[in-house]
C-alpha cells in the first residue's frame, strides 16, 4: 500500500520518494518457527534525468514471525525533504516504528535520512509513561554517519524524535 509519494527538484534533478507498507501478512520467504505474522515497509528514492529513471536507494525493514501484536509503519507527517546544510543536495527523511509485543513495552523507532547516497540512522524506542513519575524507553542513538555529519542534521533529527516520542 502506498503511504506517501513526494516529488521535488534540486541541483541533481527531479526526484520521487515513495513509501509503502504491506500491513500484516505471512511472507513465505521468511523462516517461521512460530505461527506468526509478518509486516514490512519500504521507501524508494528515484532520480529522473532526461528520459532515464534510476533507483538511487531503497529502505526495507520488517518484523517477521510475530505471534502477538505486530506493526511496521511510517509515522505520519515525518517524511520530509530538506536542505539544512544549504549545499543544493536534498536531505530525505523518513521515520517509522516497528513492534512485535503483547504488552505495554516501548516500540522501536527509527529515523533514516539520506543526503545523496549517504545514509544516516537514528535508532531507539518511544517513551511509555508507566505512572506519573515513571516511564520506560525514550532513548536513541545516532550512527557514525550522523555523529560525523553537520550538527544541524542531528538537531533536526532530535527535534523530530521529541515530537513523536510518546506516539504509538
C-alpha atoms as a PDB file:
ATOM      1  CA  UNK A   1       0.000   0.000   0.000  1.00  0.00           C
ATOM      2  CA  UNK A   2       1.439   3.360  -0.992  1.00  0.00           C
ATOM      3  CA  UNK A   3       1.546   5.629   2.049  1.00  0.00           C
ATOM      4  CA  UNK A   4       3.260   8.682   0.530  1.00  0.00           C
ATOM      5  CA  UNK A   5       4.554   9.979  -2.776  1.00  0.00           C
ATOM      6  CA  UNK A   6       6.691  13.133  -2.888  1.00  0.00           C
ATOM      7  CA  UNK A   7       8.213  14.870  -5.889  1.00  0.00           C
ATOM      8  CA  UNK A   8      10.797  17.685  -5.850  1.00  0.00           C
ATOM      9  CA  UNK A   9      13.693  19.194  -7.769  1.00  0.00           C
ATOM     10  CA  UNK A  10      17.220  20.109  -6.669  1.00  0.00           C
ATOM     11  CA  UNK A  11      20.660  20.508  -8.272  1.00  0.00           C
ATOM     12  CA  UNK A  12      20.758  16.765  -9.106  1.00  0.00           C
ATOM     13  CA  UNK A  13      17.440  16.862 -10.985  1.00  0.00           C
ATOM     14  CA  UNK A  14      13.860  15.657 -10.489  1.00  0.00           C
ATOM     15  CA  UNK A  15      13.235  13.264  -7.565  1.00  0.00           C
ATOM     16  CA  UNK A  16      10.459  10.975  -6.351  1.00  0.00           C
ATOM     17  CA  UNK A  17      10.107   9.366  -2.912  1.00  0.00           C
ATOM     18  CA  UNK A  18       7.605   6.531  -2.403  1.00  0.00           C
ATOM     19  CA  UNK A  19       6.854   4.942   0.957  1.00  0.00           C
ATOM     20  CA  UNK A  20       4.854   1.720   1.181  1.00  0.00           C
ATOM     21  CA  UNK A  21       3.652  -0.684   3.872  1.00  0.00           C
ATOM     22  CA  UNK A  22       2.489  -4.279   3.499  1.00  0.00           C
ATOM     23  CA  UNK A  23       0.317  -4.392   6.575  1.00  0.00           C
ATOM     24  CA  UNK A  24       0.136  -7.699   8.431  1.00  0.00           C
ATOM     25  CA  UNK A  25       0.546 -10.822   6.301  1.00  0.00           C
ATOM     26  CA  UNK A  26       2.566 -14.017   6.077  1.00  0.00           C
ATOM     27  CA  UNK A  27       5.679 -13.818   3.878  1.00  0.00           C
ATOM     28  CA  UNK A  28       6.614 -17.347   2.854  1.00  0.00           C
ATOM     29  CA  UNK A  29      10.150 -16.123   2.053  1.00  0.00           C
ATOM     30  CA  UNK A  30      10.760 -15.625   5.791  1.00  0.00           C
ATOM     31  CA  UNK A  31      11.608 -18.541   8.080  1.00  0.00           C
ATOM     32  CA  UNK A  32       8.780 -19.139  10.533  1.00  0.00           C
ATOM     33  CA  UNK A  33       9.451 -21.058  13.751  1.00  0.00           C
ATOM     34  CA  UNK A  34       6.140 -19.920  15.236  1.00  0.00           C
ATOM     35  CA  UNK A  35       2.730 -19.454  13.690  1.00  0.00           C
ATOM     36  CA  UNK A  36       3.499 -15.734  13.487  1.00  0.00           C
ATOM     37  CA  UNK A  37       2.705 -12.964  11.071  1.00  0.00           C
ATOM     38  CA  UNK A  38       4.978 -10.575   9.179  1.00  0.00           C
ATOM     39  CA  UNK A  39       4.901  -6.859   8.288  1.00  0.00           C
ATOM     40  CA  UNK A  40       7.244  -4.883   6.044  1.00  0.00           C
ATOM     41  CA  UNK A  41       7.795  -1.320   4.963  1.00  0.00           C
ATOM     42  CA  UNK A  42       9.725   0.106   2.037  1.00  0.00           C
ATOM     43  CA  UNK A  43      10.942   3.515   0.899  1.00  0.00           C
ATOM     44  CA  UNK A  44      12.205   4.145  -2.640  1.00  0.00           C
ATOM     45  CA  UNK A  45      14.097   7.187  -3.930  1.00  0.00           C
ATOM     46  CA  UNK A  46      14.182   7.709  -7.697  1.00  0.00           C
ATOM     47  CA  UNK A  47      16.111  10.293  -9.707  1.00  0.00           C
ATOM     48  CA  UNK A  48      14.701  11.318 -13.085  1.00  0.00           C
ATOM     49  CA  UNK A  49      17.288  12.592 -15.545  1.00  0.00           C
ATOM     50  CA  UNK A  50      16.167  13.257 -19.118  1.00  0.00           C
ATOM     51  CA  UNK A  51      14.322  10.065 -20.108  1.00  0.00           C
ATOM     52  CA  UNK A  52      16.026   7.838 -17.539  1.00  0.00           C
ATOM     53  CA  UNK A  53      14.605   6.971 -14.094  1.00  0.00           C
ATOM     54  CA  UNK A  54      17.139   5.489 -11.666  1.00  0.00           C
ATOM     55  CA  UNK A  55      16.556   3.931  -8.259  1.00  0.00           C
ATOM     56  CA  UNK A  56      19.044   5.781  -6.012  1.00  0.00           C
ATOM     57  CA  UNK A  57      18.328   3.860  -2.803  1.00  0.00           C
ATOM     58  CA  UNK A  58      15.758   1.653  -1.107  1.00  0.00           C
ATOM     59  CA  UNK A  59      14.877   1.032   2.536  1.00  0.00           C
ATOM     60  CA  UNK A  60      13.340  -2.296   3.551  1.00  0.00           C
ATOM     61  CA  UNK A  61      12.611  -3.036   7.194  1.00  0.00           C
ATOM     62  CA  UNK A  62      10.379  -5.652   8.746  1.00  0.00           C
ATOM     63  CA  UNK A  63       9.064  -7.684  11.635  1.00  0.00           C
ATOM     64  CA  UNK A  64       8.874 -11.408  10.950  1.00  0.00           C
ATOM     65  CA  UNK A  65       7.220 -14.397  12.578  1.00  0.00           C
ATOM     66  CA  UNK A  66       5.490 -12.361  15.273  1.00  0.00           C
ATOM     67  CA  UNK A  67       2.926 -14.355  17.292  1.00  0.00           C
ATOM     68  CA  UNK A  68       1.491 -11.286  19.099  1.00  0.00           C
ATOM     69  CA  UNK A  69       0.748  -7.635  18.203  1.00  0.00           C
ATOM     70  CA  UNK A  70       2.735  -6.523  15.160  1.00  0.00           C
ATOM     71  CA  UNK A  71       3.281  -3.269  13.290  1.00  0.00           C
ATOM     72  CA  UNK A  72       5.707  -1.863  10.745  1.00  0.00           C
ATOM     73  CA  UNK A  73       4.567   1.609   9.724  1.00  0.00           C
ATOM     74  CA  UNK A  74       5.745   5.081   8.807  1.00  0.00           C
ATOM     75  CA  UNK A  75       4.890   7.804  11.297  1.00  0.00           C
ATOM     76  CA  UNK A  76       2.501  10.334   9.768  1.00  0.00           C
ATOM     77  CA  UNK A  77       3.861  13.725   8.696  1.00  0.00           C
ATOM     78  CA  UNK A  78       7.537  12.831   9.261  1.00  0.00           C
ATOM     79  CA  UNK A  79       8.716  12.110   5.704  1.00  0.00           C
ATOM     80  CA  UNK A  80      10.331  15.357   4.607  1.00  0.00           C
ATOM     81  CA  UNK A  81      12.754  16.808   2.084  1.00  0.00           C
ATOM     82  CA  UNK A  82      15.119  19.492   3.382  1.00  0.00           C
ATOM     83  CA  UNK A  83      18.382  21.216   2.520  1.00  0.00           C
ATOM     84  CA  UNK A  84      19.502  22.083   6.033  1.00  0.00           C
ATOM     85  CA  UNK A  85      23.177  22.498   5.131  1.00  0.00           C
ATOM     86  CA  UNK A  86      22.292  24.658   2.096  1.00  0.00           C
ATOM     87  CA  UNK A  87      24.510  22.698  -0.326  1.00  0.00           C
ATOM     88  CA  UNK A  88      21.857  22.213  -3.025  1.00  0.00           C
ATOM     89  CA  UNK A  89      21.582  18.453  -2.329  1.00  0.00           C
ATOM     90  CA  UNK A  90      18.365  17.391  -0.653  1.00  0.00           C
ATOM     91  CA  UNK A  91      18.184  15.501   2.608  1.00  0.00           C
ATOM     92  CA  UNK A  92      15.388  12.933   2.591  1.00  0.00           C
ATOM     93  CA  UNK A  93      13.890  11.974   5.955  1.00  0.00           C
ATOM     94  CA  UNK A  94      11.662   9.038   6.900  1.00  0.00           C
ATOM     95  CA  UNK A  95      10.599   7.975  10.390  1.00  0.00           C
ATOM     96  CA  UNK A  96       8.935   4.713  11.268  1.00  0.00           C
ATOM     97  CA  UNK A  97       8.078   2.285  14.030  1.00  0.00           C
ATOM     98  CA  UNK A  98       8.431  -1.471  14.359  1.00  0.00           C
ATOM     99  CA  UNK A  99       6.871  -3.592  17.069  1.00  0.00           C
ATOM    100  CA  UNK A 100       6.201  -7.215  17.976  1.00  0.00           C
ATOM    101  CA  UNK A 101       4.907  -7.419  21.519  1.00  0.00           C
ATOM    102  CA  UNK A 102       1.973  -8.465  23.627  1.00  0.00           C
ATOM    103  CA  UNK A 103       2.497  -5.989  26.453  1.00  0.00           C
ATOM    104  CA  UNK A 104       2.907  -2.241  27.008  1.00  0.00           C
ATOM    105  CA  UNK A 105       6.671  -2.134  26.452  1.00  0.00           C
ATOM    106  CA  UNK A 106       8.243   0.547  24.229  1.00  0.00           C
ATOM    107  CA  UNK A 107       8.329   0.037  20.487  1.00  0.00           C
ATOM    108  CA  UNK A 108      11.334   0.503  18.206  1.00  0.00           C
ATOM    109  CA  UNK A 109      11.535   3.745  16.246  1.00  0.00           C
ATOM    110  CA  UNK A 110      13.964   4.788  13.522  1.00  0.00           C
ATOM    111  CA  UNK A 111      14.774   7.922  11.605  1.00  0.00           C
ATOM    112  CA  UNK A 112      16.609   7.302   8.358  1.00  0.00           C
ATOM    113  CA  UNK A 113      17.985  10.285   6.469  1.00  0.00           C
ATOM    114  CA  UNK A 114      19.783  10.226   3.155  1.00  0.00           C
ATOM    115  CA  UNK A 115      21.827  13.029   1.667  1.00  0.00           C
ATOM    116  CA  UNK A 116      22.752  11.783  -1.777  1.00  0.00           C
ATOM    117  CA  UNK A 117      23.789   8.171  -1.244  1.00  0.00           C
ATOM    118  CA  UNK A 118      24.958   8.720   2.365  1.00  0.00           C
ATOM    119  CA  UNK A 119      22.622   7.033   4.840  1.00  0.00           C
ATOM    120  CA  UNK A 120      22.253   8.379   8.388  1.00  0.00           C
ATOM    121  CA  UNK A 121      20.341   6.381  11.023  1.00  0.00           C
ATOM    122  CA  UNK A 122      18.902   7.246  14.420  1.00  0.00           C
ATOM    123  CA  UNK A 123      17.540   4.271  16.366  1.00  0.00           C
ATOM    124  CA  UNK A 124      15.780   3.918  19.695  1.00  0.00           C
ATOM    125  CA  UNK A 125      12.449   3.457  21.402  1.00  0.00           C
ATOM    126  CA  UNK A 126       9.385   5.527  22.097  1.00  0.00           C
ATOM    127  CA  UNK A 127       8.551   6.524  25.667  1.00  0.00           C
ATOM    128  CA  UNK A 128       5.808   4.780  27.637  1.00  0.00           C
ATOM    129  CA  UNK A 129       4.510   6.531  30.761  1.00  0.00           C
ATOM    130  CA  UNK A 130       4.007   3.867  33.445  1.00  0.00           C
ATOM    131  CA  UNK A 131       2.949   6.255  36.242  1.00  0.00           C
ATOM    132  CA  UNK A 132       3.182   9.996  36.917  1.00  0.00           C
ATOM    133  CA  UNK A 133       6.818   9.543  37.980  1.00  0.00           C
ATOM    134  CA  UNK A 134       7.967   6.523  35.953  1.00  0.00           C
ATOM    135  CA  UNK A 135       8.425   5.862  32.251  1.00  0.00           C
ATOM    136  CA  UNK A 136      10.140   3.308  30.020  1.00  0.00           C
ATOM    137  CA  UNK A 137      12.125   3.878  26.826  1.00  0.00           C
ATOM    138  CA  UNK A 138      12.620   7.182  25.101  1.00  0.00           C
ATOM    139  CA  UNK A 139      16.317   6.795  24.368  1.00  0.00           C
ATOM    140  CA  UNK A 140      18.035   6.852  20.982  1.00  0.00           C
ATOM    141  CA  UNK A 141      21.466   6.629  19.406  1.00  0.00           C
ATOM    142  CA  UNK A 142      22.950   8.180  16.280  1.00  0.00           C
ATOM    143  CA  UNK A 143      25.002   6.007  13.935  1.00  0.00           C
ATOM    144  CA  UNK A 144      28.526   7.073  12.953  1.00  0.00           C
ATOM    145  CA  UNK A 145      27.346   8.882   9.805  1.00  0.00           C
ATOM    146  CA  UNK A 146      25.050  11.094  11.908  1.00  0.00           C
ATOM    147  CA  UNK A 147      27.728  11.799  14.536  1.00  0.00           C
ATOM    148  CA  UNK A 148      30.127  12.933  11.788  1.00  0.00           C
ATOM    149  CA  UNK A 149      27.506  14.947   9.884  1.00  0.00           C
ATOM    150  CA  UNK A 150      26.731  18.641  10.382  1.00  0.00           C
ATOM    151  CA  UNK A 151      25.168  19.435  13.759  1.00  0.00           C
ATOM    152  CA  UNK A 152      22.082  20.827  12.036  1.00  0.00           C
ATOM    153  CA  UNK A 153      21.196  17.260  10.922  1.00  0.00           C
ATOM    154  CA  UNK A 154      21.355  15.895  14.478  1.00  0.00           C
ATOM    155  CA  UNK A 155      19.370  18.853  15.784  1.00  0.00           C
ATOM    156  CA  UNK A 156      16.623  18.326  13.191  1.00  0.00           C
ATOM    157  CA  UNK A 157      16.529  14.579  13.955  1.00  0.00           C
ATOM    158  CA  UNK A 158      16.382  15.135  17.731  1.00  0.00           C
ATOM    159  CA  UNK A 159      13.510  17.617  17.331  1.00  0.00           C
ATOM    160  CA  UNK A 160      11.613  15.206  15.062  1.00  0.00           C
ATOM    161  CA  UNK A 161      12.172  12.413  17.607  1.00  0.00           C
ATOM    162  CA  UNK A 162      10.964  14.602  20.502  1.00  0.00           C
ATOM    163  CA  UNK A 163       7.717  15.418  18.649  1.00  0.00           C
ATOM    164  CA  UNK A 164       6.900  11.717  18.254  1.00  0.00           C
ATOM    165  CA  UNK A 165       8.499  10.121  21.321  1.00  0.00           C
ATOM    166  CA  UNK A 166       5.204   9.366  23.069  1.00  0.00           C
ATOM    167  CA  UNK A 167       3.243   8.486  19.939  1.00  0.00           C
ATOM    168  CA  UNK A 168       2.149   4.899  19.459  1.00  0.00           C
END
